[in-house]
């Protein structure tokens, strides 16, 4: 987003991301804390599937980018972190993530370091 961008927010309840062929591309910002990652991880998997089909020219979906902001107490409580890193590697620039930890006491593993902010 840039200054004065229009954004839509959705908190809680039933929600999903189901773009249809011909829809204009949208850029998603997904924000999760702790176990709240579960439905958003499903959305990321769906986006990855659509990107995979798009690269194989198997669909007409126009996709934007997906940026995940995910916070937990420490890196051991970041669920699906290896899967998320795999999605970022598979779709560079299309799926990105920033992990935030609030009470990390141990060293952060090298693979996560570029993507982790916080203490």
C-alpha atoms as a PDB file:
ATOM      1  CA  UNK A   1       0.000   0.000   0.000  1.00  0.00           C
ATOM      2  CA  UNK A   2       1.006   3.567  -0.457  1.00  0.00           C
ATOM      3  CA  UNK A   3      -0.154   6.698   1.305  1.00  0.00           C
ATOM      4  CA  UNK A   4      -3.878   7.247   0.651  1.00  0.00           C
ATOM      5  CA  UNK A   5      -4.388   3.704  -0.680  1.00  0.00           C
ATOM      6  CA  UNK A   6      -7.807   2.219  -0.109  1.00  0.00           C
ATOM      7  CA  UNK A   7      -7.743  -1.050   1.838  1.00  0.00           C
ATOM      8  CA  UNK A   8     -10.394  -3.469   3.063  1.00  0.00           C
ATOM      9  CA  UNK A   9     -10.045  -5.264   6.393  1.00  0.00           C
ATOM     10  CA  UNK A  10     -11.742  -8.369   7.636  1.00  0.00           C
ATOM     11  CA  UNK A  11     -11.399  -9.656  11.196  1.00  0.00           C
ATOM     12  CA  UNK A  12     -12.700 -13.012  12.431  1.00  0.00           C
ATOM     13  CA  UNK A  13     -15.636 -15.052  11.213  1.00  0.00           C
ATOM     14  CA  UNK A  14     -15.867 -17.063   8.018  1.00  0.00           C
ATOM     15  CA  UNK A  15     -13.629 -15.662   5.337  1.00  0.00           C
ATOM     16  CA  UNK A  16     -11.920 -16.931   2.222  1.00  0.00           C
ATOM     17  CA  UNK A  17     -10.113 -15.834  -0.919  1.00  0.00           C
ATOM     18  CA  UNK A  18     -11.720 -17.142  -4.074  1.00  0.00           C
ATOM     19  CA  UNK A  19     -10.774 -15.057  -7.111  1.00  0.00           C
ATOM     20  CA  UNK A  20     -12.585 -15.862 -10.312  1.00  0.00           C
ATOM     21  CA  UNK A  21     -11.095 -15.909 -13.803  1.00  0.00           C
ATOM     22  CA  UNK A  22     -11.347 -12.423 -15.235  1.00  0.00           C
ATOM     23  CA  UNK A  23     -11.294 -10.676 -11.829  1.00  0.00           C
ATOM     24  CA  UNK A  24      -8.821  -7.836 -11.534  1.00  0.00           C
ATOM     25  CA  UNK A  25      -5.673  -8.828  -9.643  1.00  0.00           C
ATOM     26  CA  UNK A  26      -5.537  -7.865  -5.979  1.00  0.00           C
ATOM     27  CA  UNK A  27      -2.600  -7.630  -3.614  1.00  0.00           C
ATOM     28  CA  UNK A  28      -3.291  -9.330  -0.286  1.00  0.00           C
ATOM     29  CA  UNK A  29      -1.871  -8.425   3.109  1.00  0.00           C
ATOM     30  CA  UNK A  30      -2.543 -11.212   5.590  1.00  0.00           C
ATOM     31  CA  UNK A  31      -1.968 -10.581   9.311  1.00  0.00           C
ATOM     32  CA  UNK A  32      -1.878 -13.441  11.808  1.00  0.00           C
ATOM     33  CA  UNK A  33      -0.912 -14.069  15.398  1.00  0.00           C
ATOM     34  CA  UNK A  34      -0.266 -17.486  16.926  1.00  0.00           C
ATOM     35  CA  UNK A  35      -2.757 -20.164  15.889  1.00  0.00           C
ATOM     36  CA  UNK A  36      -4.677 -17.536  13.912  1.00  0.00           C
ATOM     37  CA  UNK A  37      -2.404 -18.560  11.045  1.00  0.00           C
ATOM     38  CA  UNK A  38      -4.545 -21.624  10.250  1.00  0.00           C
ATOM     39  CA  UNK A  39      -7.104 -20.067   7.881  1.00  0.00           C
ATOM     40  CA  UNK A  40      -4.524 -17.703   6.402  1.00  0.00           C
ATOM     41  CA  UNK A  41      -2.147 -20.575   5.672  1.00  0.00           C
ATOM     42  CA  UNK A  42      -4.970 -22.220   3.714  1.00  0.00           C
ATOM     43  CA  UNK A  43      -5.362 -18.997   1.730  1.00  0.00           C
ATOM     44  CA  UNK A  44      -1.601 -18.974   1.024  1.00  0.00           C
ATOM     45  CA  UNK A  45      -1.780 -22.565  -0.218  1.00  0.00           C
ATOM     46  CA  UNK A  46      -4.675 -21.625  -2.504  1.00  0.00           C
ATOM     47  CA  UNK A  47      -2.718 -18.654  -3.862  1.00  0.00           C
ATOM     48  CA  UNK A  48       0.288 -20.913  -4.471  1.00  0.00           C
ATOM     49  CA  UNK A  49      -1.925 -23.376  -6.338  1.00  0.00           C
ATOM     50  CA  UNK A  50      -3.298 -20.579  -8.514  1.00  0.00           C
ATOM     51  CA  UNK A  51       0.204 -19.230  -9.200  1.00  0.00           C
ATOM     52  CA  UNK A  52       1.310 -22.744 -10.124  1.00  0.00           C
ATOM     53  CA  UNK A  53      -1.557 -23.133 -12.570  1.00  0.00           C
ATOM     54  CA  UNK A  54      -0.893 -19.668 -13.950  1.00  0.00           C
ATOM     55  CA  UNK A  55       2.760 -20.486 -14.609  1.00  0.00           C
ATOM     56  CA  UNK A  56       1.635 -23.655 -16.362  1.00  0.00           C
ATOM     57  CA  UNK A  57      -0.819 -21.528 -18.372  1.00  0.00           C
ATOM     58  CA  UNK A  58      -3.618 -23.716 -17.044  1.00  0.00           C
ATOM     59  CA  UNK A  59      -5.933 -20.930 -15.886  1.00  0.00           C
ATOM     60  CA  UNK A  60      -7.042 -17.389 -16.569  1.00  0.00           C
ATOM     61  CA  UNK A  61      -6.638 -16.040 -13.025  1.00  0.00           C
ATOM     62  CA  UNK A  62      -4.796 -12.751 -12.713  1.00  0.00           C
ATOM     63  CA  UNK A  63      -3.057 -12.691  -9.357  1.00  0.00           C
ATOM     64  CA  UNK A  64      -1.349  -9.967  -7.406  1.00  0.00           C
ATOM     65  CA  UNK A  65       1.037 -10.483  -4.536  1.00  0.00           C
ATOM     66  CA  UNK A  66       0.444 -11.934  -1.079  1.00  0.00           C
ATOM     67  CA  UNK A  67       2.323 -10.585   1.951  1.00  0.00           C
ATOM     68  CA  UNK A  68       1.967 -12.378   5.281  1.00  0.00           C
ATOM     69  CA  UNK A  69       2.756 -10.718   8.594  1.00  0.00           C
ATOM     70  CA  UNK A  70       2.849 -13.381  11.283  1.00  0.00           C
ATOM     71  CA  UNK A  71       3.603 -12.847  14.968  1.00  0.00           C
ATOM     72  CA  UNK A  72       4.254 -15.284  17.806  1.00  0.00           C
ATOM     73  CA  UNK A  73       6.005 -15.394  21.146  1.00  0.00           C
ATOM     74  CA  UNK A  74       9.088 -17.082  19.654  1.00  0.00           C
ATOM     75  CA  UNK A  75      10.114 -18.870  16.486  1.00  0.00           C
ATOM     76  CA  UNK A  76       9.201 -22.289  17.886  1.00  0.00           C
ATOM     77  CA  UNK A  77       5.579 -21.092  18.065  1.00  0.00           C
ATOM     78  CA  UNK A  78       5.485 -19.997  14.412  1.00  0.00           C
ATOM     79  CA  UNK A  79       3.318 -22.728  12.910  1.00  0.00           C
ATOM     80  CA  UNK A  80       3.934 -23.792   9.293  1.00  0.00           C
ATOM     81  CA  UNK A  81       7.127 -21.686   9.121  1.00  0.00           C
ATOM     82  CA  UNK A  82       9.000 -24.224   6.959  1.00  0.00           C
ATOM     83  CA  UNK A  83       6.011 -24.519   4.628  1.00  0.00           C
ATOM     84  CA  UNK A  84       5.739 -20.733   4.381  1.00  0.00           C
ATOM     85  CA  UNK A  85       9.452 -20.429   3.597  1.00  0.00           C
ATOM     86  CA  UNK A  86       8.966 -23.073   0.903  1.00  0.00           C
ATOM     87  CA  UNK A  87       6.126 -21.077  -0.666  1.00  0.00           C
ATOM     88  CA  UNK A  88       8.291 -17.958  -0.665  1.00  0.00           C
ATOM     89  CA  UNK A  89      11.097 -19.857  -2.431  1.00  0.00           C
ATOM     90  CA  UNK A  90       8.706 -21.391  -4.952  1.00  0.00           C
ATOM     91  CA  UNK A  91       7.046 -18.059  -5.789  1.00  0.00           C
ATOM     92  CA  UNK A  92       9.632 -15.319  -5.161  1.00  0.00           C
ATOM     93  CA  UNK A  93       8.173 -11.836  -5.143  1.00  0.00           C
ATOM     94  CA  UNK A  94       4.658 -13.235  -5.336  1.00  0.00           C
ATOM     95  CA  UNK A  95       4.416 -14.663  -1.809  1.00  0.00           C
ATOM     96  CA  UNK A  96       6.411 -12.977   0.947  1.00  0.00           C
ATOM     97  CA  UNK A  97       6.385 -13.152   4.720  1.00  0.00           C
ATOM     98  CA  UNK A  98       7.643 -11.193   7.682  1.00  0.00           C
ATOM     99  CA  UNK A  99       7.711 -13.082  10.987  1.00  0.00           C
ATOM    100  CA  UNK A 100       7.659 -11.082  14.224  1.00  0.00           C
ATOM    101  CA  UNK A 101       8.621 -12.589  17.565  1.00  0.00           C
ATOM    102  CA  UNK A 102       8.001 -10.857  20.860  1.00  0.00           C
ATOM    103  CA  UNK A 103       9.906 -12.927  23.440  1.00  0.00           C
ATOM    104  CA  UNK A 104      12.655 -14.820  21.610  1.00  0.00           C
ATOM    105  CA  UNK A 105      15.389 -15.841  24.059  1.00  0.00           C
ATOM    106  CA  UNK A 106      17.465 -18.173  21.902  1.00  0.00           C
ATOM    107  CA  UNK A 107      19.353 -17.623  18.664  1.00  0.00           C
ATOM    108  CA  UNK A 108      17.148 -17.473  15.563  1.00  0.00           C
ATOM    109  CA  UNK A 109      18.077 -20.112  12.985  1.00  0.00           C
ATOM    110  CA  UNK A 110      19.910 -18.826   9.927  1.00  0.00           C
ATOM    111  CA  UNK A 111      17.104 -19.746   7.514  1.00  0.00           C
ATOM    112  CA  UNK A 112      14.581 -17.575   9.397  1.00  0.00           C
ATOM    113  CA  UNK A 113      16.848 -14.633  10.266  1.00  0.00           C
ATOM    114  CA  UNK A 114      16.202 -12.579   7.101  1.00  0.00           C
ATOM    115  CA  UNK A 115      12.453 -12.816   7.689  1.00  0.00           C
ATOM    116  CA  UNK A 116      12.244 -12.221  11.468  1.00  0.00           C
ATOM    117  CA  UNK A 117      11.822  -8.930  13.294  1.00  0.00           C
ATOM    118  CA  UNK A 118      11.394  -8.308  17.002  1.00  0.00           C
ATOM    119  CA  UNK A 119      13.399  -9.329  20.014  1.00  0.00           C
END
